[in-house]
PDB file of N, CA and C in Angstrom:
ATOM      1  N   MET A   1      15.242 -20.076  31.541  1.00  0.00           N
ATOM      2  CA  MET A   1      16.558 -19.031  31.282  1.00  0.00           C
ATOM      3  C   MET A   1      15.827 -18.506  29.417  1.00  0.00           C
ATOM      4  N   GLY A   2      15.919 -17.622  29.334  1.00  0.00           N
ATOM      5  CA  GLY A   2      15.390 -16.975  27.906  1.00  0.00           C
ATOM      6  C   GLY A   2      16.390 -18.061  26.795  1.00  0.00           C
ATOM      7  N   ALA A   3      15.834 -17.804  25.559  1.00  0.00           N
ATOM      8  CA  ALA A   3      17.500 -17.805  23.983  1.00  0.00           C
ATOM      9  C   ALA A   3      18.865 -17.920  24.527  1.00  0.00           C
ATOM     10  N   LYS A   4      19.086 -17.891  23.905  1.00  0.00           N
ATOM     11  CA  LYS A   4      20.345 -16.944  24.137  1.00  0.00           C
ATOM     12  C   LYS A   4      20.737 -16.331  22.705  1.00  0.00           C
ATOM     13  N   ARG A   5      21.175 -15.114  22.384  1.00  0.00           N
ATOM     14  CA  ARG A   5      20.601 -14.531  21.139  1.00  0.00           C
ATOM     15  C   ARG A   5      22.258 -14.769  20.387  1.00  0.00           C
ATOM     16  N   ASN A   6      21.947 -15.600  19.658  1.00  0.00           N
ATOM     17  CA  ASN A   6      23.957 -15.701  19.225  1.00  0.00           C
ATOM     18  C   ASN A   6      24.292 -15.307  17.711  1.00  0.00           C
ATOM     19  N   VAL A   7      22.824 -14.767  16.945  1.00  0.00           N
ATOM     20  CA  VAL A   7      22.828 -14.600  16.024  1.00  0.00           C
ATOM     21  C   VAL A   7      23.060 -12.716  15.392  1.00  0.00           C
ATOM     22  N   MET A   8      23.862 -12.331  14.580  1.00  0.00           N
ATOM     23  CA  MET A   8      23.709 -11.002  14.432  1.00  0.00           C
ATOM     24  C   MET A   8      23.749 -10.584  13.358  1.00  0.00           C
ATOM     25  N   LEU A   9      22.538  -9.408  13.890  1.00  0.00           N
ATOM     26  CA  LEU A   9      22.227  -8.794  12.043  1.00  0.00           C
ATOM     27  C   LEU A   9      23.048  -7.007  12.481  1.00  0.00           C
ATOM     28  N   ALA A  10      22.317  -6.595  11.142  1.00  0.00           N
ATOM     29  CA  ALA A  10      23.824  -5.608  10.905  1.00  0.00           C
ATOM     30  C   ALA A  10      22.981  -4.910  10.036  1.00  0.00           C
ATOM     31  N   ILE A  11      23.195  -3.795  10.014  1.00  0.00           N
ATOM     32  CA  ILE A  11      21.951  -2.750   8.923  1.00  0.00           C
ATOM     33  C   ILE A  11      22.279  -1.269   8.377  1.00  0.00           C
ATOM     34  N   ARG A  12      22.937  -1.018   7.453  1.00  0.00           N
ATOM     35  CA  ARG A  12      23.193   0.686   7.444  1.00  0.00           C
ATOM     36  C   ARG A  12      21.856   1.430   7.155  1.00  0.00           C
ATOM     37  N   VAL A  13      22.249   2.732   7.241  1.00  0.00           N
ATOM     38  CA  VAL A  13      21.025   3.910   7.501  1.00  0.00           C
ATOM     39  C   VAL A  13      21.759   5.109   7.151  1.00  0.00           C
ATOM     40  N   THR A  14      20.730   5.725   6.472  1.00  0.00           N
ATOM     41  CA  THR A  14      21.552   7.233   5.496  1.00  0.00           C
ATOM     42  C   THR A  14      21.413   8.082   7.488  1.00  0.00           C
ATOM     43  N   GLU A  15      21.789   9.339   7.470  1.00  0.00           N
ATOM     44  CA  GLU A  15      22.010  10.288   8.793  1.00  0.00           C
ATOM     45  C   GLU A  15      20.134  10.678   8.464  1.00  0.00           C
ATOM     46  N   GLU A  16      19.086  10.750   7.443  1.00  0.00           N
ATOM     47  CA  GLU A  16      18.540  11.054   7.831  1.00  0.00           C
ATOM     48  C   GLU A  16      17.695  10.047   8.719  1.00  0.00           C
ATOM     49  N   GLU A  17      17.678   8.958   8.180  1.00  0.00           N
ATOM     50  CA  GLU A  17      16.725   7.796   8.687  1.00  0.00           C
ATOM     51  C   GLU A  17      17.416   7.610  10.134  1.00  0.00           C
ATOM     52  N   ARG A  18      18.771   8.028  10.717  1.00  0.00           N
ATOM     53  CA  ARG A  18      18.863   7.911  11.801  1.00  0.00           C
ATOM     54  C   ARG A  18      18.766   8.485  12.801  1.00  0.00           C
ATOM     55  N   ARG A  19      18.517  10.393  11.846  1.00  0.00           N
ATOM     56  CA  ARG A  19      17.998  11.123  13.007  1.00  0.00           C
ATOM     57  C   ARG A  19      16.555  11.275  13.310  1.00  0.00           C
ATOM     58  N   GLN A  20      16.063  10.195  11.867  1.00  0.00           N
ATOM     59  CA  GLN A  20      14.106   9.431  12.399  1.00  0.00           C
ATOM     60  C   GLN A  20      13.917   8.753  14.053  1.00  0.00           C
ATOM     61  N   ILE A  21      14.864   7.541  13.276  1.00  0.00           N
ATOM     62  CA  ILE A  21      15.242   7.129  14.835  1.00  0.00           C
ATOM     63  C   ILE A  21      15.095   7.113  16.039  1.00  0.00           C
ATOM     64  N   ALA A  22      16.323   8.282  15.845  1.00  0.00           N
ATOM     65  CA  ALA A  22      16.611   8.902  17.462  1.00  0.00           C
ATOM     66  C   ALA A  22      15.519   9.763  17.387  1.00  0.00           C
ATOM     67  N   ARG A  23      14.697  10.633  16.775  1.00  0.00           N
ATOM     68  CA  ARG A  23      13.194  10.652  17.503  1.00  0.00           C
ATOM     69  C   ARG A  23      12.388  10.466  17.719  1.00  0.00           C
ATOM     70  N   ARG A  24      12.003   8.812  17.552  1.00  0.00           N
ATOM     71  CA  ARG A  24      11.061   8.010  17.414  1.00  0.00           C
ATOM     72  C   ARG A  24      11.187   7.613  18.983  1.00  0.00           C
ATOM     73  N   MET A  25      13.022   7.123  18.997  1.00  0.00           N
ATOM     74  CA  MET A  25      13.475   6.726  20.220  1.00  0.00           C
ATOM     75  C   MET A  25      13.072   7.838  21.836  1.00  0.00           C
ATOM     76  N   GLU A  26      12.779   8.868  21.100  1.00  0.00           N
ATOM     77  CA  GLU A  26      12.977   9.895  22.408  1.00  0.00           C
ATOM     78  C   GLU A  26      11.643   9.854  22.415  1.00  0.00           C
ATOM     79  N   GLN A  27      10.663   9.912  21.612  1.00  0.00           N
ATOM     80  CA  GLN A  27       9.077   9.907  21.443  1.00  0.00           C
ATOM     81  C   GLN A  27       8.284   8.486  22.505  1.00  0.00           C
ATOM     82  N   ALA A  28       9.332   7.551  22.139  1.00  0.00           N
ATOM     83  CA  ALA A  28       9.097   6.539  22.762  1.00  0.00           C
ATOM     84  C   ALA A  28       9.611   6.075  23.774  1.00  0.00           C
ATOM     85  N   GLY A  29      10.761   6.937  24.523  1.00  0.00           N
ATOM     86  CA  GLY A  29      10.836   6.841  26.322  1.00  0.00           C
ATOM     87  C   GLY A  29      11.958   5.662  26.144  1.00  0.00           C
ATOM     88  N   VAL A  30      12.973   5.884  24.871  1.00  0.00           N
ATOM     89  CA  VAL A  30      13.695   4.403  24.344  1.00  0.00           C
ATOM     90  C   VAL A  30      15.275   5.502  25.183  1.00  0.00           C
ATOM     91  N   ARG A  31      16.335   4.130  25.464  1.00  0.00           N
ATOM     92  CA  ARG A  31      17.401   5.337  25.254  1.00  0.00           C
ATOM     93  C   ARG A  31      18.725   4.718  24.398  1.00  0.00           C
ATOM     94  N   SER A  32      18.274   2.837  24.706  1.00  0.00           N
ATOM     95  CA  SER A  32      18.958   2.016  24.516  1.00  0.00           C
ATOM     96  C   SER A  32      19.000   1.787  23.151  1.00  0.00           C
ATOM     97  N   LEU A  33      19.252   1.696  21.644  1.00  0.00           N
ATOM     98  CA  LEU A  33      18.760   1.740  20.095  1.00  0.00           C
ATOM     99  C   LEU A  33      18.639   0.294  19.847  1.00  0.00           C
ATOM    100  N   ARG A  34      19.278  -0.529  20.228  1.00  0.00           N
ATOM    101  CA  ARG A  34      19.399  -2.455  20.092  1.00  0.00           C
ATOM    102  C   ARG A  34      18.179  -2.641  20.829  1.00  0.00           C
ATOM    103  N   ALA A  35      17.473  -1.598  21.936  1.00  0.00           N
ATOM    104  CA  ALA A  35      16.784  -2.439  22.516  1.00  0.00           C
ATOM    105  C   ALA A  35      15.211  -2.317  21.383  1.00  0.00           C
ATOM    106  N   PHE A  36      15.095  -0.433  21.455  1.00  0.00           N
ATOM    107  CA  PHE A  36      14.723  -0.415  20.794  1.00  0.00           C
ATOM    108  C   PHE A  36      14.207  -0.781  19.481  1.00  0.00           C
ATOM    109  N   VAL A  37      15.410  -1.114  18.123  1.00  0.00           N
ATOM    110  CA  VAL A  37      15.502  -1.884  17.155  1.00  0.00           C
ATOM    111  C   VAL A  37      14.629  -3.103  17.222  1.00  0.00           C
ATOM    112  N   LEU A  38      14.965  -3.882  18.209  1.00  0.00           N
ATOM    113  CA  LEU A  38      15.353  -5.710  18.635  1.00  0.00           C
ATOM    114  C   LEU A  38      13.305  -5.490  19.082  1.00  0.00           C
ATOM    115  N   LYS A  39      12.485  -4.122  19.325  1.00  0.00           N
ATOM    116  CA  LYS A  39      11.258  -4.373  20.049  1.00  0.00           C
ATOM    117  C   LYS A  39      10.416  -4.286  18.891  1.00  0.00           C
ATOM    118  N   MET A  40      10.412  -3.265  17.716  1.00  0.00           N
ATOM    119  CA  MET A  40      10.547  -2.848  16.940  1.00  0.00           C
ATOM    120  C   MET A  40       9.726  -4.036  16.134  1.00  0.00           C
ATOM    121  N   ALA A  41      11.409  -4.409  15.447  1.00  0.00           N
ATOM    122  CA  ALA A  41      11.544  -5.179  14.656  1.00  0.00           C
ATOM    123  C   ALA A  41      10.788  -6.782  15.190  1.00  0.00           C
ATOM    124  N   VAL A  42      10.294  -7.313  16.291  1.00  0.00           N
ATOM    125  CA  VAL A  42      10.088  -8.293  16.997  1.00  0.00           C
ATOM    126  C   VAL A  42       7.943  -7.867  16.804  1.00  0.00           C
ATOM    127  N   ASP A  43       7.582  -7.278  18.038  1.00  0.00           N
ATOM    128  CA  ASP A  43       6.700  -6.301  18.014  1.00  0.00           C
ATOM    129  C   ASP A  43       5.836  -5.812  17.343  1.00  0.00           C
ATOM    130  N   GLY A  44       6.636  -5.191  16.688  1.00  0.00           N
ATOM    131  CA  GLY A  44       6.089  -3.683  16.572  1.00  0.00           C
ATOM    132  C   GLY A  44       4.939  -3.900  15.066  1.00  0.00           C
ATOM    133  N   TYR A  45       3.938  -3.222  14.425  1.00  0.00           N
ATOM    134  CA  TYR A  45       2.633  -2.782  13.766  1.00  0.00           C
ATOM    135  C   TYR A  45       3.850  -2.703  12.301  1.00  0.00           C
ATOM    136  N   ILE A  46       2.929  -3.092  11.770  1.00  0.00           N
ATOM    137  CA  ILE A  46       2.804  -2.288  10.202  1.00  0.00           C
ATOM    138  C   ILE A  46       1.108  -2.131   9.574  1.00  0.00           C
ATOM    139  N   VAL A  47       0.835  -1.248   9.064  1.00  0.00           N
ATOM    140  CA  VAL A  47       0.228  -0.959   8.638  1.00  0.00           C
ATOM    141  C   VAL A  47      -0.121  -0.601   7.577  1.00  0.00           C
ATOM    142  N   ASN A  48      -0.786  -1.510   6.450  1.00  0.00           N
ATOM    143  CA  ASN A  48      -1.178  -0.957   5.127  1.00  0.00           C
ATOM    144  C   ASN A  48      -2.291  -0.441   4.717  1.00  0.00           C
ATOM    145  N   LEU A  49      -2.690   0.210   4.334  1.00  0.00           N
ATOM    146  CA  LEU A  49      -4.104   0.914   4.026  1.00  0.00           C
ATOM    147  C   LEU A  49      -4.193   0.530   3.110  1.00  0.00           C
ATOM    148  N   ASP A  50      -5.310   0.643   2.456  1.00  0.00           N
ATOM    149  CA  ASP A  50      -6.431   0.655   1.501  1.00  0.00           C
ATOM    150  C   ASP A  50      -7.468   1.493   1.812  1.00  0.00           C
ATOM    151  N   LEU A  51      -6.997   2.735   0.673  1.00  0.00           N
ATOM    152  CA  LEU A  51      -7.179   4.006   0.306  1.00  0.00           C
ATOM    153  C   LEU A  51      -8.305   4.304  -0.404  1.00  0.00           C
ATOM    154  N   SER A  52      -8.517   2.999  -0.616  1.00  0.00           N
ATOM    155  CA  SER A  52      -9.272   3.225  -1.934  1.00  0.00           C
ATOM    156  C   SER A  52     -11.059   3.864  -1.780  1.00  0.00           C
ATOM    157  N   ASP A  53     -11.521   3.634  -0.100  1.00  0.00           N
ATOM    158  CA  ASP A  53     -12.795   4.308  -0.116  1.00  0.00           C
ATOM    159  C   ASP A  53     -12.551   5.585  -0.229  1.00  0.00           C
ATOM    160  N   VAL A  54     -11.091   6.206   0.374  1.00  0.00           N
ATOM    161  CA  VAL A  54     -10.366   7.658   1.040  1.00  0.00           C
ATOM    162  C   VAL A  54     -10.959   8.276  -1.132  1.00  0.00           C
ATOM    163  N   HIS A  55     -10.583   7.600  -1.928  1.00  0.00           N
ATOM    164  CA  HIS A  55     -10.179   8.092  -3.284  1.00  0.00           C
ATOM    165  C   HIS A  55     -11.976   8.073  -3.773  1.00  0.00           C
ATOM    166  N   GLU A  56     -12.141   6.996  -3.439  1.00  0.00           N
ATOM    167  CA  GLU A  56     -13.969   7.244  -3.842  1.00  0.00           C
ATOM    168  C   GLU A  56     -14.710   8.601  -3.246  1.00  0.00           C
ATOM    169  N   MET A  57     -14.244   8.221  -1.999  1.00  0.00           N
ATOM    170  CA  MET A  57     -14.775  10.233  -1.052  1.00  0.00           C
ATOM    171  C   MET A  57     -14.852  11.457  -2.353  1.00  0.00           C
ATOM    172  N   VAL A  58     -13.777  11.195  -2.064  1.00  0.00           N
ATOM    173  CA  VAL A  58     -12.912  12.199  -2.926  1.00  0.00           C
ATOM    174  C   VAL A  58     -13.544  12.594  -4.433  1.00  0.00           C
ATOM    175  N   SER A  59     -13.791  11.253  -5.008  1.00  0.00           N
ATOM    176  CA  SER A  59     -14.580  11.524  -6.220  1.00  0.00           C
ATOM    177  C   SER A  59     -15.893  11.852  -6.196  1.00  0.00           C
ATOM    178  N   LEU A  60     -16.563  11.632  -5.048  1.00  0.00           N
ATOM    179  CA  LEU A  60     -17.606  12.545  -4.658  1.00  0.00           C
ATOM    180  C   LEU A  60     -18.184  13.371  -4.270  1.00  0.00           C
ATOM    181  N   LEU A  61     -17.298  13.538  -3.745  1.00  0.00           N
ATOM    182  CA  LEU A  61     -16.613  15.174  -3.735  1.00  0.00           C
ATOM    183  C   LEU A  61     -17.089  15.927  -4.958  1.00  0.00           C
ATOM    184  N   ARG A  62     -15.811  15.669  -5.231  1.00  0.00           N
ATOM    185  CA  ARG A  62     -15.476  16.504  -6.128  1.00  0.00           C
ATOM    186  C   ARG A  62     -17.075  16.482  -7.385  1.00  0.00           C
ATOM    187  N   ARG A  63     -17.938  15.726  -7.791  1.00  0.00           N
ATOM    188  CA  ARG A  63     -18.625  15.358  -8.637  1.00  0.00           C
ATOM    189  C   ARG A  63     -19.846  16.487  -7.928  1.00  0.00           C
ATOM    190  N   SER A  64     -19.725  15.838  -6.217  1.00  0.00           N
ATOM    191  CA  SER A  64     -21.279  17.105  -6.151  1.00  0.00           C
ATOM    192  C   SER A  64     -20.749  18.153  -5.773  1.00  0.00           C
ATOM    193  N   SER A  65     -19.797  18.512  -5.446  1.00  0.00           N
ATOM    194  CA  SER A  65     -19.239  19.605  -5.900  1.00  0.00           C
ATOM    195  C   SER A  65     -19.847  20.395  -6.871  1.00  0.00           C
ATOM    196  N   ASN A  66     -19.404  19.770  -7.909  1.00  0.00           N
ATOM    197  CA  ASN A  66     -19.427  20.192  -9.426  1.00  0.00           C
ATOM    198  C   ASN A  66     -20.841  20.406  -9.826  1.00  0.00           C
ATOM    199  N   ASN A  67     -21.526  19.497  -9.021  1.00  0.00           N
ATOM    200  CA  ASN A  67     -23.350  19.331  -9.405  1.00  0.00           C
ATOM    201  C   ASN A  67     -23.535  20.929  -8.815  1.00  0.00           C
ATOM    202  N   LEU A  68     -23.186  21.239  -7.316  1.00  0.00           N
ATOM    203  CA  LEU A  68     -23.943  22.896  -6.050  1.00  0.00           C
ATOM    204  C   LEU A  68     -23.262  23.803  -7.365  1.00  0.00           C
ATOM    205  N   ASN A  69     -21.734  23.686  -7.849  1.00  0.00           N
ATOM    206  CA  ASN A  69     -22.010  24.460  -8.421  1.00  0.00           C
ATOM    207  C   ASN A  69     -22.735  24.815  -9.682  1.00  0.00           C
ATOM    208  N   GLN A  70     -23.027  24.496 -10.557  1.00  0.00           N
ATOM    209  CA  GLN A  70     -23.613  24.191 -12.002  1.00  0.00           C
ATOM    210  C   GLN A  70     -25.298  24.459 -10.648  1.00  0.00           C
ATOM    211  N   ILE A  71     -26.060  24.263 -10.170  1.00  0.00           N
ATOM    212  CA  ILE A  71     -27.044  24.782  -9.462  1.00  0.00           C
ATOM    213  C   ILE A  71     -26.945  25.739  -8.894  1.00  0.00           C
ATOM    214  N   ALA A  72     -26.339  25.848  -8.547  1.00  0.00           N
ATOM    215  CA  ALA A  72     -25.626  27.121  -8.048  1.00  0.00           C
ATOM    216  C   ALA A  72     -26.096  29.124  -9.558  1.00  0.00           C
ATOM    217  N   LYS A  73     -25.034  28.000 -10.838  1.00  0.00           N
ATOM    218  CA  LYS A  73     -24.376  29.246 -11.441  1.00  0.00           C
ATOM    219  C   LYS A  73     -26.532  29.222 -12.046  1.00  0.00           C
ATOM    220  N   ARG A  74     -27.280  28.212 -12.595  1.00  0.00           N
ATOM    221  CA  ARG A  74     -28.071  28.483 -13.105  1.00  0.00           C
ATOM    222  C   ARG A  74     -29.493  28.860 -11.611  1.00  0.00           C
ATOM    223  N   VAL A  75     -29.414  28.589 -10.686  1.00  0.00           N
ATOM    224  CA  VAL A  75     -29.944  29.815  -9.563  1.00  0.00           C
ATOM    225  C   VAL A  75     -29.856  31.442  -9.649  1.00  0.00           C
ATOM    226  N   ASN A  76     -28.272  31.689 -10.173  1.00  0.00           N
ATOM    227  CA  ASN A  76     -28.202  33.196 -10.150  1.00  0.00           C
ATOM    228  C   ASN A  76     -28.575  33.409 -11.557  1.00  0.00           C
ATOM    229  N   GLU A  77     -28.684  32.933 -11.834  1.00  0.00           N
ATOM    230  CA  GLU A  77     -29.379  33.399 -13.554  1.00  0.00           C
ATOM    231  C   GLU A  77     -30.757  33.282 -13.908  1.00  0.00           C
ATOM    232  N   THR A  78     -31.687  31.749 -13.413  1.00  0.00           N
ATOM    233  CA  THR A  78     -33.006  31.910 -13.489  1.00  0.00           C
ATOM    234  C   THR A  78     -33.292  32.232 -11.792  1.00  0.00           C
ATOM    235  N   ARG A  79     -32.945  32.806 -11.497  1.00  0.00           N
ATOM    236  CA  ARG A  79     -33.667  32.947  -9.773  1.00  0.00           C
ATOM    237  C   ARG A  79     -34.674  32.003  -9.011  1.00  0.00           C
ATOM    238  N   SER A  80     -34.412  31.033  -9.661  1.00  0.00           N
ATOM    239  CA  SER A  80     -35.182  29.765  -9.306  1.00  0.00           C
ATOM    240  C   SER A  80     -34.681  28.327  -9.601  1.00  0.00           C
ATOM    241  N   ILE A  81     -34.628  26.818  -8.305  1.00  0.00           N
ATOM    242  CA  ILE A  81     -34.697  26.207  -8.225  1.00  0.00           C
ATOM    243  C   ILE A  81     -35.531  24.827  -8.401  1.00  0.00           C
ATOM    244  N   TYR A  82     -35.240  23.494  -9.079  1.00  0.00           N
ATOM    245  CA  TYR A  82     -35.791  22.837 -10.032  1.00  0.00           C
ATOM    246  C   TYR A  82     -35.372  21.630  -8.385  1.00  0.00           C
ATOM    247  N   GLU A  83     -36.855  21.264  -8.497  1.00  0.00           N
ATOM    248  CA  GLU A  83     -36.759  19.667  -7.232  1.00  0.00           C
ATOM    249  C   GLU A  83     -35.941  18.605  -7.693  1.00  0.00           C
ATOM    250  N   ALA A  84     -35.561  17.902  -9.311  1.00  0.00           N
ATOM    251  CA  ALA A  84     -34.787  17.891  -9.469  1.00  0.00           C
ATOM    252  C   ALA A  84     -33.018  17.905  -8.872  1.00  0.00           C
ATOM    253  N   ASP A  85     -32.879  19.041  -8.977  1.00  0.00           N
ATOM    254  CA  ASP A  85     -31.674  19.669  -8.269  1.00  0.00           C
ATOM    255  C   ASP A  85     -31.833  18.922  -7.186  1.00  0.00           C
ATOM    256  N   ILE A  86     -32.717  19.675  -6.767  1.00  0.00           N
ATOM    257  CA  ILE A  86     -32.422  18.979  -5.033  1.00  0.00           C
ATOM    258  C   ILE A  86     -32.418  17.511  -4.809  1.00  0.00           C
ATOM    259  N   GLN A  87     -33.177  16.917  -5.788  1.00  0.00           N
ATOM    260  CA  GLN A  87     -33.240  15.576  -5.059  1.00  0.00           C
ATOM    261  C   GLN A  87     -31.764  15.093  -5.403  1.00  0.00           C
ATOM    262  N   ASP A  88     -31.354  15.705  -6.603  1.00  0.00           N
ATOM    263  CA  ASP A  88     -29.961  15.059  -7.043  1.00  0.00           C
ATOM    264  C   ASP A  88     -28.856  15.455  -5.860  1.00  0.00           C
ATOM    265  N   LEU A  89     -29.479  16.393  -5.399  1.00  0.00           N
ATOM    266  CA  LEU A  89     -27.956  17.344  -4.302  1.00  0.00           C
ATOM    267  C   LEU A  89     -28.166  16.297  -3.181  1.00  0.00           C
ATOM    268  N   ARG A  90     -29.526  15.483  -2.895  1.00  0.00           N
ATOM    269  CA  ARG A  90     -29.547  14.912  -1.699  1.00  0.00           C
ATOM    270  C   ARG A  90     -28.766  13.321  -1.950  1.00  0.00           C
ATOM    271  N   GLU A  91     -29.374  13.390  -3.131  1.00  0.00           N
ATOM    272  CA  GLU A  91     -28.746  11.046  -3.419  1.00  0.00           C
ATOM    273  C   GLU A  91     -27.352  12.018  -3.122  1.00  0.00           C
ATOM    274  N   HIS A  92     -26.797  12.605  -3.693  1.00  0.00           N
ATOM    275  CA  HIS A  92     -25.263  13.083  -3.837  1.00  0.00           C
ATOM    276  C   HIS A  92     -24.685  12.876  -1.967  1.00  0.00           C
ATOM    277  N   TYR A  93     -25.938  13.129  -1.376  1.00  0.00           N
ATOM    278  CA  TYR A  93     -24.701  13.921  -0.282  1.00  0.00           C
ATOM    279  C   TYR A  93     -25.195  12.219   0.841  1.00  0.00           C
ATOM    280  N   ASP A  94     -25.742  11.851   0.043  1.00  0.00           N
ATOM    281  CA  ASP A  94     -26.705  10.691   0.753  1.00  0.00           C
ATOM    282  C   ASP A  94     -25.095   9.541   0.549  1.00  0.00           C
ATOM    283  N   LYS A  95     -24.560   9.319  -0.504  1.00  0.00           N
ATOM    284  CA  LYS A  95     -24.100   8.535  -1.106  1.00  0.00           C
ATOM    285  C   LYS A  95     -22.158   8.797  -0.435  1.00  0.00           C
ATOM    286  N   LEU A  96     -22.329  10.460  -0.561  1.00  0.00           N
ATOM    287  CA  LEU A  96     -20.848  10.870   0.785  1.00  0.00           C
ATOM    288  C   LEU A  96     -21.415  10.243   2.058  1.00  0.00           C
ATOM    289  N   TRP A  97     -22.105  10.286   2.697  1.00  0.00           N
ATOM    290  CA  TRP A  97     -22.403  10.092   4.562  1.00  0.00           C
ATOM    291  C   TRP A  97     -21.777   8.279   4.543  1.00  0.00           C
ATOM    292  N   GLU A  98     -22.526   7.931   3.016  1.00  0.00           N
ATOM    293  CA  GLU A  98     -22.099   6.366   3.274  1.00  0.00           C
ATOM    294  C   GLU A  98     -21.022   5.980   3.382  1.00  0.00           C
ATOM    295  N   GLN A  99     -20.821   6.733   1.735  1.00  0.00           N
ATOM    296  CA  GLN A  99     -18.376   6.396   2.409  1.00  0.00           C
ATOM    297  C   GLN A  99     -18.261   6.533   3.310  1.00  0.00           C
ATOM    298  N   ALA A 100     -18.630   8.135   3.966  1.00  0.00           N
ATOM    299  CA  ALA A 100     -18.226   8.176   5.051  1.00  0.00           C
ATOM    300  C   ALA A 100     -18.113   7.361   6.392  1.00  0.00           C
ATOM    301  N   ASN A 101     -19.014   7.233   6.237  1.00  0.00           N
ATOM    302  CA  ASN A 101     -19.364   5.930   6.951  1.00  0.00           C
ATOM    303  C   ASN A 101     -18.388   4.096   7.195  1.00  0.00           C
ATOM    304  N   ARG A 102     -18.146   3.916   5.481  1.00  0.00           N
ATOM    305  CA  ARG A 102     -17.069   2.860   5.484  1.00  0.00           C
ATOM    306  C   ARG A 102     -16.211   3.074   5.985  1.00  0.00           C
ATOM    307  N   ILE A 103     -15.616   4.653   5.797  1.00  0.00           N
ATOM    308  CA  ILE A 103     -14.580   4.412   5.600  1.00  0.00           C
ATOM    309  C   ILE A 103     -14.648   4.268   7.583  1.00  0.00           C
ATOM    310  N   LEU A 104     -14.742   5.914   8.443  1.00  0.00           N
ATOM    311  CA  LEU A 104     -14.936   5.657   9.013  1.00  0.00           C
ATOM    312  C   LEU A 104     -14.682   3.622   9.977  1.00  0.00           C
ATOM    313  N   LYS A 105     -15.544   2.695   9.953  1.00  0.00           N
ATOM    314  CA  LYS A 105     -15.996   2.104  10.240  1.00  0.00           C
ATOM    315  C   LYS A 105     -14.548   0.626   9.994  1.00  0.00           C
ATOM    316  N   GLY A 106     -14.230   1.419   9.045  1.00  0.00           N
ATOM    317  CA  GLY A 106     -12.408   0.263   8.646  1.00  0.00           C
ATOM    318  C   GLY A 106     -11.466   0.860   9.834  1.00  0.00           C
ATOM    319  N   LEU A 107     -11.836   2.211   9.757  1.00  0.00           N
ATOM    320  CA  LEU A 107     -10.790   2.375  10.525  1.00  0.00           C
ATOM    321  C   LEU A 107     -10.952   1.699  11.978  1.00  0.00           C
ATOM    322  N   ALA A 108     -11.905   1.841  12.694  1.00  0.00           N
ATOM    323  CA  ALA A 108     -12.592   1.494  13.888  1.00  0.00           C
ATOM    324  C   ALA A 108     -11.852  -0.005  13.670  1.00  0.00           C
ATOM    325  N   LYS A 109     -11.770  -0.396  12.771  1.00  0.00           N
ATOM    326  CA  LYS A 109     -10.993  -1.567  12.589  1.00  0.00           C
ATOM    327  C   LYS A 109      -9.867  -1.964  12.899  1.00  0.00           C
ATOM    328  N   LEU A 110      -8.891  -0.843  12.623  1.00  0.00           N
ATOM    329  CA  LEU A 110      -7.431  -1.393  13.001  1.00  0.00           C
ATOM    330  C   LEU A 110      -7.124  -1.209  14.496  1.00  0.00           C
TER     331      LEU A 110
END
């Protein structure tokens, strides 16, 4: 026989929070508020995401985009492209792919 539930918990929510709970209950196919809240409180997952890798990737994308725009402007003006420019772009794109792979590996661990 299971343990007797003899402790009562009470919380207050806003109307919007109540609507959100109702939507989540519907999505989960649960009709009992008590069962839903108990299941989420005891067995639910809390996900804290470290987005520093994503911020780094956005920074790399900005730098690569700026470099590409500068090179495109110079090519339009001079009608030539330098090997150093191509190498710079390759290095930036390699860093982008490395960062993307780090992010994907981190997400796979969730």
